């Protein structure tokens, strides 16, 4: 199972949560960013009965399409 961590960081004159090299939108306070990160982390853990198509761009600018099984959910953490 995948293990992911959202990290709260200062960003663009405010606060954001970050997953890998990707930042969320900017929030006016640390607490607002923390609340949003906890909500995002919780949504990542919700399983369902259907498979979902995923399309994403990698760090080299290539696009990928994958199928994610609905019950294959990551373990999530929020740090910061």
N, C-alpha and C. Protein backbone atom coordinates (compact mmCIF):
# COMPACT_ATOMS: atom_id res chain seq x y z
N UNK A 1 0.84 -1.18 0.00
CA UNK A 1 0.00 0.00 0.00
C UNK A 1 0.89 1.25 0.00
N UNK A 2 0.44 2.27 -0.69
CA UNK A 2 1.18 3.52 -0.78
C UNK A 2 1.01 4.34 0.49
N UNK A 3 2.07 5.01 0.90
CA UNK A 3 2.07 5.87 2.08
C UNK A 3 2.40 7.28 1.62
N UNK A 4 1.51 8.26 1.83
CA UNK A 4 1.77 9.63 1.39
C UNK A 4 1.66 10.60 2.55
N UNK A 5 2.44 11.69 2.49
CA UNK A 5 2.44 12.70 3.54
C UNK A 5 2.26 14.08 2.92
N UNK A 6 1.25 14.78 3.39
CA UNK A 6 1.05 16.19 3.05
C UNK A 6 1.82 17.02 4.07
N UNK A 7 2.58 18.00 3.60
CA UNK A 7 3.39 18.84 4.47
C UNK A 7 2.92 20.29 4.37
N UNK A 8 2.76 20.95 5.51
CA UNK A 8 2.35 22.35 5.54
C UNK A 8 3.62 23.21 5.41
N UNK A 9 3.61 24.15 4.44
CA UNK A 9 4.79 24.99 4.19
C UNK A 9 4.35 26.43 3.90
N UNK A 10 5.28 27.38 4.12
CA UNK A 10 5.03 28.75 3.69
C UNK A 10 5.14 28.80 2.18
N UNK A 11 4.21 29.55 1.55
CA UNK A 11 4.19 29.57 0.08
C UNK A 11 3.45 30.81 -0.42
N UNK A 12 4.06 31.55 -1.32
CA UNK A 12 3.43 32.70 -1.98
C UNK A 12 2.82 33.70 -1.00
N UNK A 13 3.53 34.00 0.07
CA UNK A 13 3.04 34.98 1.04
C UNK A 13 2.00 34.45 2.00
N UNK A 14 1.79 33.16 2.01
CA UNK A 14 0.83 32.54 2.92
C UNK A 14 1.28 31.14 3.25
N UNK A 15 0.33 30.23 3.31
CA UNK A 15 0.60 28.84 3.66
C UNK A 15 -0.06 27.90 2.66
N UNK A 16 0.54 26.76 2.43
CA UNK A 16 0.00 25.76 1.52
C UNK A 16 0.32 24.39 2.07
N UNK A 17 -0.32 23.38 1.52
CA UNK A 17 0.14 22.02 1.79
C UNK A 17 0.78 21.51 0.51
N UNK A 18 1.72 20.62 0.69
CA UNK A 18 2.54 20.15 -0.42
C UNK A 18 2.55 18.62 -0.39
N UNK A 19 2.47 18.03 -1.57
CA UNK A 19 2.62 16.58 -1.71
C UNK A 19 3.66 16.38 -2.79
N UNK A 20 4.81 15.87 -2.41
CA UNK A 20 5.93 15.77 -3.35
C UNK A 20 6.36 17.18 -3.73
N UNK A 21 6.39 17.48 -5.02
CA UNK A 21 6.77 18.80 -5.49
C UNK A 21 5.56 19.66 -5.86
N UNK A 22 4.36 19.22 -5.51
CA UNK A 22 3.14 19.91 -5.91
C UNK A 22 2.54 20.66 -4.71
N UNK A 23 2.25 21.97 -4.92
CA UNK A 23 1.66 22.81 -3.89
C UNK A 23 0.16 22.94 -4.10
N UNK A 24 -0.55 23.07 -3.01
CA UNK A 24 -1.98 23.40 -3.07
C UNK A 24 -2.10 24.90 -3.36
N UNK A 25 -3.34 25.38 -3.38
CA UNK A 25 -3.54 26.82 -3.41
C UNK A 25 -2.99 27.42 -2.12
N UNK A 26 -2.81 28.73 -2.09
CA UNK A 26 -2.27 29.41 -0.92
C UNK A 26 -3.41 29.77 0.03
N UNK A 27 -3.18 29.54 1.32
CA UNK A 27 -4.15 29.86 2.36
C UNK A 27 -3.60 30.99 3.22
N UNK A 28 -4.48 31.78 3.85
CA UNK A 28 -4.01 32.94 4.62
C UNK A 28 -3.33 32.59 5.94
N UNK A 29 -3.57 31.37 6.45
CA UNK A 29 -2.97 30.99 7.74
C UNK A 29 -2.52 29.53 7.72
N UNK A 30 -1.64 29.23 8.66
CA UNK A 30 -1.17 27.86 8.84
C UNK A 30 -2.35 26.95 9.17
N UNK A 31 -3.23 27.41 10.06
CA UNK A 31 -4.37 26.59 10.46
C UNK A 31 -5.30 26.28 9.29
N UNK A 32 -5.52 27.25 8.40
CA UNK A 32 -6.38 27.01 7.23
C UNK A 32 -5.75 25.98 6.30
N UNK A 33 -4.43 26.07 6.09
CA UNK A 33 -3.74 25.10 5.25
C UNK A 33 -3.76 23.72 5.89
N UNK A 34 -3.59 23.67 7.20
CA UNK A 34 -3.63 22.39 7.92
C UNK A 34 -5.01 21.74 7.80
N UNK A 35 -6.05 22.52 7.97
CA UNK A 35 -7.41 22.00 7.85
C UNK A 35 -7.66 21.45 6.44
N UNK A 36 -7.22 22.18 5.42
CA UNK A 36 -7.40 21.74 4.04
C UNK A 36 -6.59 20.46 3.76
N UNK A 37 -5.38 20.38 4.30
CA UNK A 37 -4.54 19.19 4.11
C UNK A 37 -5.18 17.97 4.77
N UNK A 38 -5.75 18.16 5.95
CA UNK A 38 -6.41 17.05 6.64
C UNK A 38 -7.63 16.59 5.85
N UNK A 39 -8.36 17.53 5.25
CA UNK A 39 -9.51 17.17 4.43
C UNK A 39 -9.05 16.39 3.19
N UNK A 40 -7.99 16.87 2.52
CA UNK A 40 -7.47 16.18 1.33
C UNK A 40 -6.97 14.78 1.69
N UNK A 41 -6.27 14.67 2.81
CA UNK A 41 -5.76 13.37 3.25
C UNK A 41 -6.90 12.41 3.54
N UNK A 42 -7.96 12.91 4.15
CA UNK A 42 -9.12 12.08 4.43
C UNK A 42 -9.81 11.60 3.16
N UNK A 43 -9.91 12.48 2.18
CA UNK A 43 -10.54 12.10 0.91
C UNK A 43 -9.72 11.04 0.18
N UNK A 44 -8.41 11.06 0.33
CA UNK A 44 -7.55 10.06 -0.31
C UNK A 44 -7.81 8.66 0.22
N UNK A 45 -8.25 8.56 1.47
CA UNK A 45 -8.45 7.25 2.10
C UNK A 45 -9.80 6.61 1.80
N UNK A 46 -10.72 7.36 1.18
CA UNK A 46 -12.07 6.85 0.94
C UNK A 46 -12.06 5.88 -0.23
N UNK A 47 -12.43 4.65 0.06
CA UNK A 47 -12.50 3.61 -0.97
C UNK A 47 -13.92 3.54 -1.52
N UNK A 48 -14.04 2.99 -2.71
CA UNK A 48 -15.36 2.71 -3.27
C UNK A 48 -15.29 1.43 -4.08
N UNK A 49 -16.38 1.10 -4.73
CA UNK A 49 -16.47 -0.17 -5.45
C UNK A 49 -16.06 -0.07 -6.92
N UNK A 50 -15.76 1.12 -7.40
CA UNK A 50 -15.49 1.25 -8.83
C UNK A 50 -14.04 1.62 -9.11
N UNK A 51 -13.57 1.18 -10.25
CA UNK A 51 -12.24 1.56 -10.71
C UNK A 51 -12.34 2.96 -11.32
N UNK A 52 -11.24 3.71 -11.27
CA UNK A 52 -11.22 5.08 -11.76
C UNK A 52 -10.06 5.29 -12.70
N UNK A 53 -10.31 5.98 -13.78
CA UNK A 53 -9.22 6.35 -14.69
C UNK A 53 -8.48 7.55 -14.17
N UNK A 54 -7.16 7.52 -14.27
CA UNK A 54 -6.30 8.62 -13.82
C UNK A 54 -5.43 9.06 -14.99
N UNK A 55 -5.35 10.36 -15.20
CA UNK A 55 -4.48 10.93 -16.21
C UNK A 55 -3.57 11.93 -15.50
N UNK A 56 -2.25 11.81 -15.70
CA UNK A 56 -1.33 12.73 -15.04
C UNK A 56 -0.10 12.97 -15.91
N UNK A 57 0.55 14.11 -15.63
CA UNK A 57 1.77 14.48 -16.33
C UNK A 57 2.96 14.25 -15.41
N UNK A 58 4.00 13.59 -15.89
CA UNK A 58 5.17 13.34 -15.05
C UNK A 58 6.13 14.53 -15.12
N UNK A 59 7.23 14.40 -14.38
CA UNK A 59 8.21 15.50 -14.29
C UNK A 59 8.90 15.80 -15.61
N UNK A 60 8.83 14.90 -16.57
CA UNK A 60 9.44 15.12 -17.89
C UNK A 60 8.42 15.62 -18.92
N UNK A 61 7.20 15.91 -18.47
CA UNK A 61 6.18 16.44 -19.35
C UNK A 61 5.42 15.40 -20.15
N UNK A 62 5.59 14.13 -19.82
CA UNK A 62 4.87 13.06 -20.51
C UNK A 62 3.56 12.76 -19.78
N UNK A 63 2.52 12.52 -20.57
CA UNK A 63 1.22 12.20 -19.99
C UNK A 63 1.04 10.68 -19.90
N UNK A 64 0.38 10.26 -18.81
CA UNK A 64 0.13 8.84 -18.55
C UNK A 64 -1.34 8.63 -18.22
N UNK A 65 -1.86 7.50 -18.61
CA UNK A 65 -3.21 7.08 -18.26
C UNK A 65 -3.12 5.76 -17.52
N UNK A 66 -3.81 5.67 -16.40
CA UNK A 66 -3.81 4.44 -15.60
C UNK A 66 -5.21 4.18 -15.07
N UNK A 67 -5.42 2.98 -14.63
CA UNK A 67 -6.66 2.61 -13.93
C UNK A 67 -6.30 2.37 -12.47
N UNK A 68 -7.03 3.03 -11.58
CA UNK A 68 -6.83 2.85 -10.15
C UNK A 68 -8.01 2.05 -9.60
N UNK A 69 -7.71 0.96 -8.92
CA UNK A 69 -8.76 0.17 -8.31
C UNK A 69 -9.38 0.95 -7.16
N UNK A 70 -10.69 0.92 -7.06
CA UNK A 70 -11.41 1.71 -6.07
C UNK A 70 -11.09 1.38 -4.63
N UNK A 71 -10.61 0.17 -4.38
CA UNK A 71 -10.30 -0.21 -3.00
C UNK A 71 -8.81 -0.13 -2.67
N UNK A 72 -8.01 0.35 -3.60
CA UNK A 72 -6.55 0.48 -3.40
C UNK A 72 -6.23 1.91 -2.96
N UNK A 73 -6.41 2.20 -1.68
CA UNK A 73 -6.25 3.56 -1.18
C UNK A 73 -4.96 3.69 -0.37
N UNK A 74 -4.33 4.86 -0.39
CA UNK A 74 -3.08 5.05 0.36
C UNK A 74 -3.32 5.29 1.84
N UNK A 75 -2.27 5.10 2.60
CA UNK A 75 -2.23 5.55 3.98
C UNK A 75 -1.74 7.00 3.92
N UNK A 76 -2.42 7.91 4.61
CA UNK A 76 -2.08 9.33 4.52
C UNK A 76 -1.68 9.91 5.87
N UNK A 77 -0.84 10.94 5.80
CA UNK A 77 -0.36 11.66 6.99
C UNK A 77 -0.32 13.15 6.67
N UNK A 78 -0.40 13.98 7.69
CA UNK A 78 -0.23 15.43 7.53
C UNK A 78 0.85 15.84 8.53
N UNK A 79 1.85 16.57 8.03
CA UNK A 79 2.98 16.98 8.85
C UNK A 79 3.14 18.50 8.78
N UNK A 80 3.42 19.11 9.90
CA UNK A 80 3.70 20.55 9.89
C UNK A 80 2.66 21.33 10.59
